Amino acid sequence: RALFLSCRRCDPSDCKQIPDDSCPVGKSKQGGCGCCDVCSKNVGEACGGLWGRSGRCGQRLKCQRKKDDRYRYAPGICVADWSPEADACIIGHNNQIVDDISLDDCNTRCLGQFSSAWVCKSLEYHSSSRRCSLSSADSNSLDYLQPCTNFTGWTFTEITSSAFMQTLLDILPLVQPPAEATTPSPSEAVIANSHYSAGGSSGHQQEPLLPHHSHHRKP
């Protein structure tokens, strides 16, 4: 059967004003008739549903329904749109390195790094050492390597959602690229006998990890 929604004329003066800093992933129009602004839904929150009544996902997120849910208007959950994990790396682009966290937490850190200082577009993760490297570069970088030769155990993934790319275009004039990383050669990495993520030093302190496993290091 057909479903209909009747909306009255929108009067923005009737809408509650929401401060920008109270919405971590931005604002969107309220589900249904879409008159007033509300905070967009964040990762793990309900979204979609009939006439979008469960809300819209924020920047860099998409609304994903269960694959086995046959109901056309079933609500979903906001998730990040990531590329499949790949045996790849970006040399010389470490903006932030975080140790002893899970891949899910690494993804969350990347999503949360979205400011005028720099925007996280991709990450590299080493599962056995639980090391996370966040980067403002992506697979379009000239320093992107696939496969990431000589350095095993690292996986690469990047944010691919169209909403994210549009947001990047919106804030691009505000974003200043980080200083270019200094990339030691593979032989220097071996001599240093310490665990580095892709790119070595980029102005951030990196503590040695698993020095006896040289194959964990990256140039």
N, C-alpha and C. Protein backbone atom coordinates (compact mmCIF):
# COMPACT_ATOMS: atom_id res chain seq x y z
N ARG A 1 0.82 -1.19 0.00
CA ARG A 1 0.00 0.00 0.00
C ARG A 1 0.86 1.26 0.00
N ALA A 2 0.33 2.33 -0.49
CA ALA A 2 1.07 3.58 -0.58
C ALA A 2 1.12 4.29 0.76
N LEU A 3 2.24 4.96 1.01
CA LEU A 3 2.41 5.74 2.23
C LEU A 3 2.54 7.21 1.87
N PHE A 4 1.87 8.06 2.62
CA PHE A 4 1.88 9.49 2.33
C PHE A 4 2.26 10.27 3.59
N LEU A 5 2.91 11.40 3.36
CA LEU A 5 3.31 12.28 4.45
C LEU A 5 2.84 13.69 4.11
N SER A 6 2.10 14.28 5.01
CA SER A 6 1.60 15.64 4.80
C SER A 6 2.38 16.60 5.68
N CYS A 7 2.98 17.62 5.08
CA CYS A 7 3.81 18.58 5.82
C CYS A 7 3.21 19.98 5.73
N ARG A 8 3.24 20.67 6.85
CA ARG A 8 2.78 22.05 6.83
C ARG A 8 3.94 22.95 6.38
N ARG A 9 3.64 24.17 6.08
CA ARG A 9 4.66 25.11 5.60
C ARG A 9 5.73 25.30 6.69
N CYS A 10 6.98 25.28 6.26
CA CYS A 10 8.09 25.39 7.21
C CYS A 10 8.31 26.84 7.62
N ASP A 11 8.37 27.08 8.92
CA ASP A 11 8.68 28.40 9.45
C ASP A 11 9.93 28.27 10.33
N PRO A 12 11.11 28.64 9.81
CA PRO A 12 12.36 28.48 10.56
C PRO A 12 12.34 29.16 11.92
N SER A 13 11.51 30.18 12.09
CA SER A 13 11.47 30.88 13.38
C SER A 13 10.90 29.99 14.49
N ASP A 14 10.21 28.94 14.10
CA ASP A 14 9.66 28.01 15.08
C ASP A 14 10.68 26.97 15.54
N CYS A 15 11.82 26.93 14.87
CA CYS A 15 12.82 25.90 15.15
C CYS A 15 13.72 26.29 16.32
N LYS A 16 14.09 25.31 17.10
CA LYS A 16 15.03 25.52 18.19
C LYS A 16 16.43 25.72 17.63
N GLN A 17 17.11 26.76 18.09
CA GLN A 17 18.47 27.04 17.63
C GLN A 17 19.47 26.11 18.33
N ILE A 18 20.30 25.47 17.53
CA ILE A 18 21.28 24.52 18.06
C ILE A 18 22.68 25.05 17.80
N PRO A 19 23.49 25.26 18.84
CA PRO A 19 24.87 25.73 18.64
C PRO A 19 25.67 24.74 17.81
N ASP A 20 26.53 25.25 16.95
CA ASP A 20 27.32 24.38 16.09
C ASP A 20 28.21 23.43 16.89
N ASP A 21 28.76 23.92 18.00
CA ASP A 21 29.69 23.09 18.77
C ASP A 21 29.00 22.00 19.58
N SER A 22 27.68 21.95 19.52
CA SER A 22 26.97 20.89 20.24
C SER A 22 26.70 19.69 19.35
N CYS A 23 27.09 19.76 18.09
CA CYS A 23 26.86 18.66 17.14
C CYS A 23 28.20 18.16 16.62
N PRO A 24 28.73 17.06 17.18
CA PRO A 24 30.08 16.58 16.83
C PRO A 24 30.26 16.26 15.36
N VAL A 25 29.21 15.78 14.68
CA VAL A 25 29.35 15.42 13.26
C VAL A 25 28.46 16.28 12.37
N GLY A 26 28.15 17.48 12.84
CA GLY A 26 27.41 18.42 12.02
C GLY A 26 25.90 18.36 12.22
N LYS A 27 25.22 19.18 11.44
CA LYS A 27 23.76 19.26 11.51
C LYS A 27 23.13 18.74 10.22
N SER A 28 21.87 18.39 10.32
CA SER A 28 21.08 17.99 9.15
C SER A 28 19.63 18.34 9.42
N LYS A 29 18.82 18.27 8.39
CA LYS A 29 17.40 18.55 8.55
C LYS A 29 16.71 17.39 9.26
N GLN A 30 15.77 17.74 10.09
CA GLN A 30 15.02 16.74 10.84
C GLN A 30 14.30 15.80 9.89
N GLY A 31 14.24 14.51 10.27
CA GLY A 31 13.56 13.54 9.44
C GLY A 31 12.09 13.86 9.28
N GLY A 32 11.51 13.36 8.21
CA GLY A 32 10.11 13.66 7.94
C GLY A 32 10.02 14.82 6.98
N CYS A 33 9.48 15.93 7.43
CA CYS A 33 9.31 17.09 6.56
C CYS A 33 10.59 17.89 6.38
N GLY A 34 11.56 17.72 7.25
CA GLY A 34 12.86 18.35 7.05
C GLY A 34 12.86 19.85 7.18
N CYS A 35 12.18 20.39 8.17
CA CYS A 35 12.14 21.83 8.35
C CYS A 35 13.28 22.33 9.23
N CYS A 36 13.40 21.79 10.42
CA CYS A 36 14.36 22.31 11.40
C CYS A 36 15.68 21.54 11.38
N ASP A 37 16.74 22.23 11.78
CA ASP A 37 18.04 21.60 11.92
C ASP A 37 18.10 20.81 13.23
N VAL A 38 18.73 19.65 13.16
CA VAL A 38 18.99 18.83 14.35
C VAL A 38 20.42 18.33 14.24
N CYS A 39 20.97 17.84 15.34
CA CYS A 39 22.30 17.25 15.28
C CYS A 39 22.26 15.95 14.47
N SER A 40 23.19 15.81 13.56
CA SER A 40 23.27 14.58 12.78
C SER A 40 23.68 13.42 13.68
N LYS A 41 23.33 12.23 13.25
CA LYS A 41 23.63 11.04 14.04
C LYS A 41 25.10 10.65 13.89
N ASN A 42 25.66 10.14 14.97
CA ASN A 42 27.06 9.75 15.01
C ASN A 42 27.20 8.24 14.82
N VAL A 43 28.43 7.76 14.81
CA VAL A 43 28.70 6.33 14.64
C VAL A 43 27.96 5.52 15.69
N GLY A 44 27.27 4.47 15.24
CA GLY A 44 26.55 3.58 16.15
C GLY A 44 25.15 4.02 16.50
N GLU A 45 24.73 5.20 16.04
CA GLU A 45 23.39 5.68 16.35
C GLU A 45 22.41 5.33 15.23
N ALA A 46 21.13 5.21 15.60
CA ALA A 46 20.09 4.84 14.64
C ALA A 46 19.90 5.94 13.60
N CYS A 47 19.56 5.53 12.39
CA CYS A 47 19.38 6.48 11.29
C CYS A 47 18.36 5.93 10.30
N GLY A 48 17.93 6.78 9.39
CA GLY A 48 17.04 6.35 8.31
C GLY A 48 15.64 6.05 8.79
N GLY A 49 15.11 4.93 8.34
CA GLY A 49 13.74 4.57 8.67
C GLY A 49 12.74 5.28 7.78
N LEU A 50 11.48 5.05 8.04
CA LEU A 50 10.41 5.65 7.24
C LEU A 50 10.50 7.17 7.29
N TRP A 51 10.62 7.79 6.12
CA TRP A 51 10.75 9.25 5.98
C TRP A 51 11.95 9.80 6.75
N GLY A 52 12.92 8.95 7.04
CA GLY A 52 14.12 9.41 7.73
C GLY A 52 13.88 9.84 9.16
N ARG A 53 12.84 9.30 9.79
CA ARG A 53 12.48 9.74 11.14
C ARG A 53 13.52 9.38 12.19
N SER A 54 14.37 8.40 11.89
CA SER A 54 15.42 8.03 12.86
C SER A 54 16.65 8.93 12.75
N GLY A 55 16.62 9.85 11.81
CA GLY A 55 17.72 10.81 11.70
C GLY A 55 18.67 10.53 10.55
N ARG A 56 19.48 11.53 10.25
CA ARG A 56 20.47 11.42 9.17
C ARG A 56 21.87 11.36 9.76
N CYS A 57 22.73 10.61 9.10
CA CYS A 57 24.11 10.47 9.58
C CYS A 57 24.91 11.73 9.28
N GLY A 58 25.93 11.96 10.10
CA GLY A 58 26.75 13.15 9.97
C GLY A 58 27.82 13.02 8.91
N GLN A 59 28.70 14.00 8.89
CA GLN A 59 29.77 14.06 7.92
C GLN A 59 30.65 12.82 8.01
N ARG A 60 31.01 12.28 6.84
CA ARG A 60 31.89 11.12 6.70
C ARG A 60 31.24 9.81 7.16
N LEU A 61 29.92 9.81 7.33
CA LEU A 61 29.22 8.61 7.76
C LEU A 61 28.11 8.26 6.78
N LYS A 62 27.69 7.00 6.80
CA LYS A 62 26.57 6.57 5.99
C LYS A 62 25.65 5.71 6.83
N CYS A 63 24.39 5.63 6.43
CA CYS A 63 23.39 4.85 7.14
C CYS A 63 23.35 3.45 6.54
N GLN A 64 23.65 2.46 7.33
CA GLN A 64 23.72 1.08 6.84
C GLN A 64 22.67 0.21 7.51
N ARG A 65 21.85 -0.43 6.69
CA ARG A 65 20.83 -1.34 7.22
C ARG A 65 21.38 -2.76 7.27
N LYS A 66 20.75 -3.60 8.08
CA LYS A 66 21.13 -5.00 8.14
C LYS A 66 20.89 -5.65 6.78
N LYS A 67 21.82 -6.48 6.36
CA LYS A 67 21.72 -7.09 5.04
C LYS A 67 20.51 -8.01 4.93
N ASP A 68 20.10 -8.61 6.05
CA ASP A 68 18.98 -9.55 6.01
C ASP A 68 17.64 -8.89 6.31
N ASP A 69 17.64 -7.55 6.42
CA ASP A 69 16.39 -6.84 6.72
C ASP A 69 15.67 -6.53 5.41
N ARG A 70 14.53 -7.18 5.20
CA ARG A 70 13.80 -7.02 3.94
C ARG A 70 12.82 -5.85 3.96
N TYR A 71 12.60 -5.28 5.13
CA TYR A 71 11.68 -4.16 5.20
C TYR A 71 12.34 -2.92 4.61
N ARG A 72 11.73 -2.38 3.59
CA ARG A 72 12.33 -1.29 2.82
C ARG A 72 12.64 -0.06 3.67
N TYR A 73 11.80 0.20 4.65
CA TYR A 73 11.95 1.42 5.43
C TYR A 73 12.53 1.17 6.82
N ALA A 74 13.19 0.04 6.99
CA ALA A 74 13.79 -0.27 8.29
C ALA A 74 14.92 0.71 8.60
N PRO A 75 15.04 1.15 9.85
CA PRO A 75 16.15 2.04 10.21
C PRO A 75 17.48 1.31 10.16
N GLY A 76 18.54 2.07 10.10
CA GLY A 76 19.87 1.49 10.08
C GLY A 76 20.74 2.07 11.18
N ILE A 77 22.04 1.87 11.04
CA ILE A 77 23.02 2.36 11.99
C ILE A 77 24.07 3.18 11.23
N CYS A 78 24.48 4.30 11.80
CA CYS A 78 25.50 5.13 11.15
C CYS A 78 26.87 4.46 11.27
N VAL A 79 27.52 4.31 10.13
CA VAL A 79 28.86 3.73 10.10
C VAL A 79 29.75 4.58 9.20
N ALA A 80 31.05 4.42 9.34
CA ALA A 80 31.99 5.09 8.46
C ALA A 80 32.13 4.28 7.18
N ASP A 81 32.30 4.97 6.08
CA ASP A 81 32.47 4.30 4.80
C ASP A 81 33.97 4.15 4.52
N TRP A 82 34.50 2.98 4.84
CA TRP A 82 35.93 2.73 4.69
C TRP A 82 36.21 1.81 3.50
N SER A 83 37.35 1.99 2.88
CA SER A 83 37.78 1.07 1.83
C SER A 83 38.19 -0.25 2.48
N PRO A 84 38.18 -1.35 1.71
CA PRO A 84 38.64 -2.63 2.27
C PRO A 84 40.10 -2.53 2.71
N GLU A 85 40.44 -3.24 3.77
CA GLU A 85 41.83 -3.25 4.23
C GLU A 85 42.73 -3.85 3.16
N ALA A 86 43.89 -3.24 2.97
CA ALA A 86 44.80 -3.68 1.92
C ALA A 86 46.23 -3.73 2.44
N ASP A 87 47.05 -4.56 1.79
CA ASP A 87 48.47 -4.60 2.09
C ASP A 87 49.12 -3.42 1.39
N ALA A 88 49.12 -2.27 2.06
CA ALA A 88 49.62 -1.03 1.45
C ALA A 88 50.08 -0.08 2.55
N CYS A 89 50.76 0.99 2.15
CA CYS A 89 51.20 2.01 3.11
C CYS A 89 51.51 3.30 2.37
N ILE A 90 51.60 4.39 3.12
CA ILE A 90 51.98 5.68 2.56
C ILE A 90 53.27 6.11 3.26
N ILE A 91 54.33 6.27 2.50
CA ILE A 91 55.63 6.59 3.06
C ILE A 91 55.73 8.08 3.37
N GLY A 92 56.09 8.41 4.60
CA GLY A 92 56.38 9.79 4.96
C GLY A 92 55.20 10.63 5.36
N HIS A 93 54.11 10.02 5.80
CA HIS A 93 52.92 10.81 6.14
C HIS A 93 52.32 10.36 7.47
N ASN A 94 53.10 10.40 8.53
CA ASN A 94 52.58 10.11 9.87
C ASN A 94 52.14 11.41 10.53
N ASN A 95 50.87 11.62 10.66
CA ASN A 95 50.40 12.80 11.38
C ASN A 95 50.21 12.53 12.86
N GLN A 96 49.82 11.30 13.17
CA GLN A 96 49.66 10.93 14.58
C GLN A 96 49.81 9.43 14.70
N ILE A 97 50.54 8.99 15.72
CA ILE A 97 50.73 7.57 15.99
C ILE A 97 50.22 7.25 17.38
N VAL A 98 49.40 6.23 17.46
CA VAL A 98 48.81 5.83 18.74
C VAL A 98 49.11 4.35 18.96
N ASP A 99 49.62 4.02 20.13
CA ASP A 99 49.98 2.64 20.45
C ASP A 99 48.94 1.97 21.33
N ASP A 100 48.92 0.65 21.23
CA ASP A 100 48.11 -0.21 22.09
C ASP A 100 46.62 0.11 22.00
N ILE A 101 46.09 0.18 20.78
CA ILE A 101 44.65 0.33 20.58
C ILE A 101 44.18 -0.66 19.52
N SER A 102 42.90 -0.92 19.49
CA SER A 102 42.32 -1.83 18.51
C SER A 102 42.11 -1.12 17.18
N LEU A 103 41.83 -1.89 16.15
CA LEU A 103 41.56 -1.30 14.84
C LEU A 103 40.30 -0.44 14.88
N ASP A 104 39.28 -0.90 15.60
CA ASP A 104 38.06 -0.10 15.71
C ASP A 104 38.34 1.25 16.37
N ASP A 105 39.17 1.24 17.42
CA ASP A 105 39.52 2.50 18.08
C ASP A 105 40.36 3.38 17.17
N CYS A 106 41.19 2.74 16.35
CA CYS A 106 42.00 3.48 15.38
C CYS A 106 41.08 4.18 14.37
N ASN A 107 40.07 3.47 13.90
CA ASN A 107 39.09 4.07 12.99
C ASN A 107 38.39 5.26 13.64
N THR A 108 38.01 5.09 14.90
CA THR A 108 37.31 6.16 15.62
C THR A 108 38.21 7.38 15.77
N ARG A 109 39.49 7.16 16.06
CA ARG A 109 40.43 8.27 16.19
C ARG A 109 40.52 9.05 14.87
N CYS A 110 40.55 8.32 13.78
CA CYS A 110 40.65 8.98 12.47
C CYS A 110 39.40 9.81 12.19
N LEU A 111 38.24 9.26 12.47
CA LEU A 111 37.00 10.00 12.25
C LEU A 111 36.94 11.26 13.11
N GLY A 112 37.51 11.18 14.30
CA GLY A 112 37.45 12.31 15.22
C GLY A 112 38.45 13.41 14.90
N GLN A 113 39.45 13.10 14.04
CA GLN A 113 40.45 14.11 13.70
C GLN A 113 39.98 14.88 12.47
N PHE A 114 39.28 15.97 12.73
CA PHE A 114 38.65 16.73 11.65
C PHE A 114 38.63 18.19 12.07
N SER A 115 39.73 18.91 11.80
CA SER A 115 39.84 20.29 12.25
C SER A 115 40.61 21.11 11.22
N SER A 116 40.78 22.39 11.51
CA SER A 116 41.52 23.26 10.60
C SER A 116 43.02 22.94 10.61
N ALA A 117 43.48 22.20 11.63
CA ALA A 117 44.90 21.81 11.69
C ALA A 117 45.20 20.73 10.65
N TRP A 118 44.47 19.65 10.69
CA TRP A 118 44.59 18.61 9.66
C TRP A 118 43.40 17.67 9.74
N VAL A 119 43.15 16.98 8.63
CA VAL A 119 42.02 16.07 8.51
C VAL A 119 42.54 14.67 8.24
N CYS A 120 42.11 13.72 9.05
CA CYS A 120 42.53 12.33 8.84
C CYS A 120 41.75 11.72 7.69
N LYS A 121 42.47 11.22 6.69
CA LYS A 121 41.84 10.60 5.53
C LYS A 121 42.07 9.09 5.49
N SER A 122 43.13 8.62 6.14
CA SER A 122 43.45 7.20 6.06
C SER A 122 44.20 6.76 7.30
N LEU A 123 44.36 5.46 7.44
CA LEU A 123 45.12 4.92 8.56
C LEU A 123 45.84 3.66 8.15
N GLU A 124 46.89 3.36 8.89
CA GLU A 124 47.59 2.09 8.76
C GLU A 124 47.60 1.44 10.14
N TYR A 125 47.45 0.11 10.15
CA TYR A 125 47.32 -0.58 11.43
C TYR A 125 48.15 -1.86 11.41
N HIS A 126 48.87 -2.09 12.52
CA HIS A 126 49.66 -3.31 12.69
C HIS A 126 49.02 -4.11 13.82
N SER A 127 48.39 -5.22 13.49
CA SER A 127 47.57 -5.94 14.45
C SER A 127 48.37 -6.57 15.59
N SER A 128 49.56 -7.11 15.31
CA SER A 128 50.30 -7.80 16.37
C SER A 128 50.88 -6.83 17.39
N SER A 129 51.27 -5.64 16.97
CA SER A 129 51.80 -4.64 17.90
C SER A 129 50.75 -3.64 18.35
N ARG A 130 49.56 -3.69 17.72
CA ARG A 130 48.44 -2.79 18.05
C ARG A 130 48.85 -1.32 17.89
N ARG A 131 49.59 -1.05 16.82
CA ARG A 131 50.02 0.32 16.53
C ARG A 131 49.16 0.90 15.41
N CYS A 132 48.76 2.15 15.62
CA CYS A 132 47.86 2.86 14.69
C CYS A 132 48.56 4.11 14.19
N SER A 133 48.58 4.29 12.87
CA SER A 133 49.17 5.49 12.27
C SER A 133 48.09 6.21 11.48
N LEU A 134 47.81 7.46 11.86
CA LEU A 134 46.79 8.27 11.19
C LEU A 134 47.46 9.23 10.21
N SER A 135 46.84 9.44 9.06
CA SER A 135 47.47 10.23 8.01
C SER A 135 46.48 11.16 7.33
N SER A 136 47.00 12.32 6.92
CA SER A 136 46.20 13.27 6.14
C SER A 136 46.27 12.96 4.65
N ALA A 137 47.07 11.96 4.27
CA ALA A 137 47.19 11.55 2.88
C ALA A 137 46.26 10.37 2.61
N ASP A 138 46.05 10.07 1.33
CA ASP A 138 45.23 8.91 0.95
C ASP A 138 45.91 8.17 -0.20
N SER A 139 45.19 7.25 -0.81
CA SER A 139 45.79 6.40 -1.85
C SER A 139 46.13 7.17 -3.12
N ASN A 140 45.72 8.42 -3.23
CA ASN A 140 46.10 9.24 -4.38
C ASN A 140 47.50 9.84 -4.22
N SER A 141 48.08 9.70 -3.04
CA SER A 141 49.40 10.25 -2.79
C SER A 141 50.46 9.54 -3.63
N LEU A 142 51.47 10.29 -4.07
CA LEU A 142 52.58 9.70 -4.82
C LEU A 142 53.41 8.77 -3.95
N ASP A 143 53.26 8.89 -2.64
CA ASP A 143 54.01 8.05 -1.71
C ASP A 143 53.27 6.78 -1.32
N TYR A 144 52.13 6.53 -1.95
CA TYR A 144 51.33 5.33 -1.65
C TYR A 144 51.96 4.12 -2.32
N LEU A 145 52.16 3.05 -1.56
CA LEU A 145 52.74 1.82 -2.08
C LEU A 145 51.82 0.64 -1.83
N GLN A 146 51.59 -0.15 -2.87
CA GLN A 146 50.81 -1.38 -2.73
C GLN A 146 51.42 -2.44 -3.65
N PRO A 147 51.97 -3.52 -3.07
CA PRO A 147 52.00 -3.83 -1.63
C PRO A 147 53.06 -3.01 -0.90
N CYS A 148 52.96 -3.03 0.41
CA CYS A 148 53.95 -2.34 1.25
C CYS A 148 55.12 -3.30 1.46
N THR A 149 56.06 -3.27 0.53
CA THR A 149 57.14 -4.26 0.50
C THR A 149 58.09 -4.11 1.67
N ASN A 150 58.63 -5.24 2.10
CA ASN A 150 59.65 -5.33 3.16
C ASN A 150 59.13 -5.08 4.57
N PHE A 151 57.87 -4.72 4.69
CA PHE A 151 57.32 -4.44 6.02
C PHE A 151 55.99 -5.16 6.15
N THR A 152 56.02 -6.30 6.82
CA THR A 152 54.84 -7.16 6.88
C THR A 152 53.95 -6.81 8.05
N GLY A 153 52.69 -7.19 7.92
CA GLY A 153 51.75 -7.05 9.03
C GLY A 153 50.94 -5.78 9.04
N TRP A 154 51.25 -4.83 8.13
CA TRP A 154 50.53 -3.56 8.11
C TRP A 154 49.37 -3.62 7.13
N THR A 155 48.24 -3.04 7.51
CA THR A 155 47.10 -2.92 6.61
C THR A 155 46.73 -1.45 6.47
N PHE A 156 46.20 -1.10 5.32
CA PHE A 156 45.84 0.29 5.01
C PHE A 156 44.35 0.36 4.68
N THR A 157 43.70 1.40 5.17
CA THR A 157 42.31 1.66 4.79
C THR A 157 42.08 3.16 4.81
N GLU A 158 41.15 3.64 3.99
CA GLU A 158 40.89 5.07 3.91
C GLU A 158 39.39 5.33 3.87
N ILE A 159 39.03 6.54 4.26
CA ILE A 159 37.63 6.95 4.24
C ILE A 159 37.26 7.29 2.81
N THR A 160 36.17 6.72 2.33
CA THR A 160 35.83 6.88 0.92
C THR A 160 34.47 7.51 0.68
N SER A 161 33.71 7.84 1.73
CA SER A 161 32.35 8.32 1.53
C SER A 161 32.34 9.65 0.80
N SER A 162 31.35 9.84 -0.06
CA SER A 162 31.23 11.07 -0.84
C SER A 162 30.96 12.27 0.07
N ALA A 163 30.25 12.03 1.18
CA ALA A 163 29.97 13.12 2.11
C ALA A 163 31.27 13.67 2.69
N PHE A 164 32.20 12.77 2.96
CA PHE A 164 33.49 13.20 3.49
C PHE A 164 34.24 14.05 2.47
N MET A 165 34.24 13.62 1.21
CA MET A 165 34.96 14.37 0.19
C MET A 165 34.35 15.74 -0.01
N GLN A 166 33.04 15.84 0.07
CA GLN A 166 32.40 17.14 -0.08
C GLN A 166 32.77 18.05 1.08
N THR A 167 32.84 17.48 2.28
CA THR A 167 33.22 18.26 3.44
C THR A 167 34.65 18.76 3.31
N LEU A 168 35.52 17.93 2.77
CA LEU A 168 36.89 18.35 2.54
C LEU A 168 36.95 19.57 1.62
N LEU A 169 36.14 19.55 0.57
CA LEU A 169 36.11 20.68 -0.35
C LEU A 169 35.63 21.94 0.36
N ASP A 170 34.69 21.77 1.28
CA ASP A 170 34.14 22.92 1.99
C ASP A 170 35.17 23.58 2.91
N ILE A 171 36.02 22.76 3.55
CA ILE A 171 36.94 23.32 4.53
C ILE A 171 38.36 23.48 3.99
N LEU A 172 38.58 23.08 2.73
CA LEU A 172 39.93 23.08 2.18
C LEU A 172 40.67 24.40 2.38
N PRO A 173 40.03 25.57 2.20
CA PRO A 173 40.76 26.82 2.41
C PRO A 173 41.25 27.00 3.85
N LEU A 174 40.65 26.28 4.80
CA LEU A 174 41.01 26.44 6.20
C LEU A 174 42.12 25.50 6.62
N VAL A 175 42.35 24.48 5.81
CA VAL A 175 43.28 23.43 6.22
C VAL A 175 44.67 23.69 5.67
N GLN A 176 45.64 23.70 6.55
CA GLN A 176 47.02 23.84 6.14
C GLN A 176 47.68 22.49 6.22
N PRO A 177 48.36 22.05 5.15
CA PRO A 177 48.98 20.73 5.17
C PRO A 177 50.10 20.66 6.20
N PRO A 178 50.28 19.51 6.84
CA PRO A 178 51.35 19.36 7.82
C PRO A 178 52.71 19.41 7.16
N ALA A 179 53.74 19.67 7.94
CA ALA A 179 55.09 19.71 7.41
C ALA A 179 55.45 18.35 6.82
N GLU A 180 56.17 18.37 5.72
CA GLU A 180 56.54 17.13 5.05
C GLU A 180 57.42 16.28 5.95
N ALA A 181 57.15 15.00 5.96
CA ALA A 181 57.90 14.10 6.84
C ALA A 181 59.30 13.85 6.30
N THR A 182 60.22 13.58 7.19
CA THR A 182 61.57 13.16 6.81
C THR A 182 61.61 11.65 6.82
N THR A 183 61.90 11.05 5.67
CA THR A 183 61.81 9.61 5.52
C THR A 183 63.18 8.96 5.56
N PRO A 184 63.50 8.20 6.62
CA PRO A 184 64.78 7.50 6.63
C PRO A 184 64.75 6.34 5.65
N SER A 185 65.92 5.94 5.19
CA SER A 185 66.00 4.81 4.28
C SER A 185 65.76 3.52 5.06
N PRO A 186 65.43 2.41 4.35
CA PRO A 186 65.23 1.14 5.06
C PRO A 186 66.45 0.73 5.88
N SER A 187 67.66 1.00 5.35
CA SER A 187 68.86 0.62 6.11
C SER A 187 68.96 1.42 7.40
N GLU A 188 68.59 2.70 7.34
CA GLU A 188 68.60 3.52 8.55
C GLU A 188 67.59 3.00 9.56
N ALA A 189 66.46 2.51 9.06
CA ALA A 189 65.44 1.97 9.96
C ALA A 189 65.96 0.74 10.67
N VAL A 190 66.74 -0.08 9.95
CA VAL A 190 67.29 -1.28 10.57
C VAL A 190 68.34 -0.91 11.61
N ILE A 191 69.19 0.08 11.29
CA ILE A 191 70.21 0.50 12.23
C ILE A 191 69.57 1.07 13.50
N ALA A 192 68.49 1.83 13.30
CA ALA A 192 67.81 2.40 14.46
C ALA A 192 67.23 1.33 15.35
N ASN A 193 66.94 0.14 14.75
CA ASN A 193 66.44 -1.00 15.50
C ASN A 193 65.24 -0.64 16.37
N SER A 194 64.31 0.13 15.81
CA SER A 194 63.10 0.49 16.53
C SER A 194 61.93 0.33 15.61
N HIS A 195 60.72 0.30 16.19
CA HIS A 195 59.49 0.04 15.44
C HIS A 195 58.89 1.35 14.95
N TYR A 196 58.79 1.53 13.64
CA TYR A 196 58.21 2.73 13.08
C TYR A 196 57.03 2.38 12.21
N SER A 197 56.08 3.29 12.18
CA SER A 197 54.99 3.18 11.22
C SER A 197 55.46 3.79 9.92
N ALA A 198 54.61 3.77 8.90
CA ALA A 198 55.00 4.26 7.58
C ALA A 198 55.48 5.69 7.66
N GLY A 199 56.68 5.94 7.12
CA GLY A 199 57.14 7.31 7.00
C GLY A 199 58.14 7.72 8.05
N GLY A 200 58.35 6.94 9.10
CA GLY A 200 59.32 7.31 10.11
C GLY A 200 58.94 8.56 10.85
N SER A 201 59.85 9.51 11.00
CA SER A 201 59.61 10.71 11.80
C SER A 201 58.85 11.75 11.02
N SER A 202 57.78 12.28 11.63
CA SER A 202 57.04 13.38 11.01
C SER A 202 56.77 14.46 12.03
N GLY A 203 57.66 14.59 12.99
CA GLY A 203 57.47 15.61 14.01
C GLY A 203 56.76 15.09 15.24
N HIS A 204 56.42 13.79 15.25
CA HIS A 204 55.73 13.20 16.40
C HIS A 204 56.63 12.15 17.02
N GLN A 205 56.74 12.13 18.31
CA GLN A 205 57.59 11.16 18.99
C GLN A 205 57.02 9.77 18.83
N GLN A 206 57.90 8.82 18.51
CA GLN A 206 57.49 7.44 18.34
C GLN A 206 58.34 6.56 19.24
N GLU A 207 57.71 5.83 20.13
CA GLU A 207 58.44 4.99 21.05
C GLU A 207 58.77 3.67 20.38
N PRO A 208 59.97 3.11 20.62
CA PRO A 208 60.33 1.83 20.04
C PRO A 208 59.38 0.73 20.51
N LEU A 209 59.01 -0.15 19.58
CA LEU A 209 58.16 -1.29 19.92
C LEU A 209 58.76 -2.54 19.29
N LEU A 210 58.78 -3.64 20.05
CA LEU A 210 59.21 -4.93 19.54
C LEU A 210 60.51 -4.82 18.75
N PRO A 211 61.61 -4.34 19.35
CA PRO A 211 62.83 -4.12 18.59
C PRO A 211 63.42 -5.38 18.00
N HIS A 212 63.06 -6.56 18.52
CA HIS A 212 63.60 -7.80 17.99
C HIS A 212 62.84 -8.29 16.77
N HIS A 213 61.76 -7.64 16.39
CA HIS A 213 60.99 -8.01 15.21
C HIS A 213 61.18 -6.92 14.16
N SER A 214 62.28 -6.96 13.44
CA SER A 214 62.59 -5.88 12.51
C SER A 214 61.60 -5.79 11.37
N HIS A 215 60.90 -6.89 11.04
CA HIS A 215 59.98 -6.84 9.91
C HIS A 215 58.73 -6.03 10.22
N HIS A 216 58.55 -5.63 11.49
CA HIS A 216 57.41 -4.79 11.84
C HIS A 216 57.63 -3.34 11.47
N ARG A 217 58.90 -2.96 11.25
CA ARG A 217 59.19 -1.56 10.98
C ARG A 217 58.84 -1.21 9.55
N LYS A 218 58.63 0.06 9.33
CA LYS A 218 58.38 0.57 7.99
C LYS A 218 59.29 1.76 7.75
N PRO A 219 59.63 2.06 6.49
CA PRO A 219 60.60 3.13 6.20
C PRO A 219 60.10 4.49 6.61
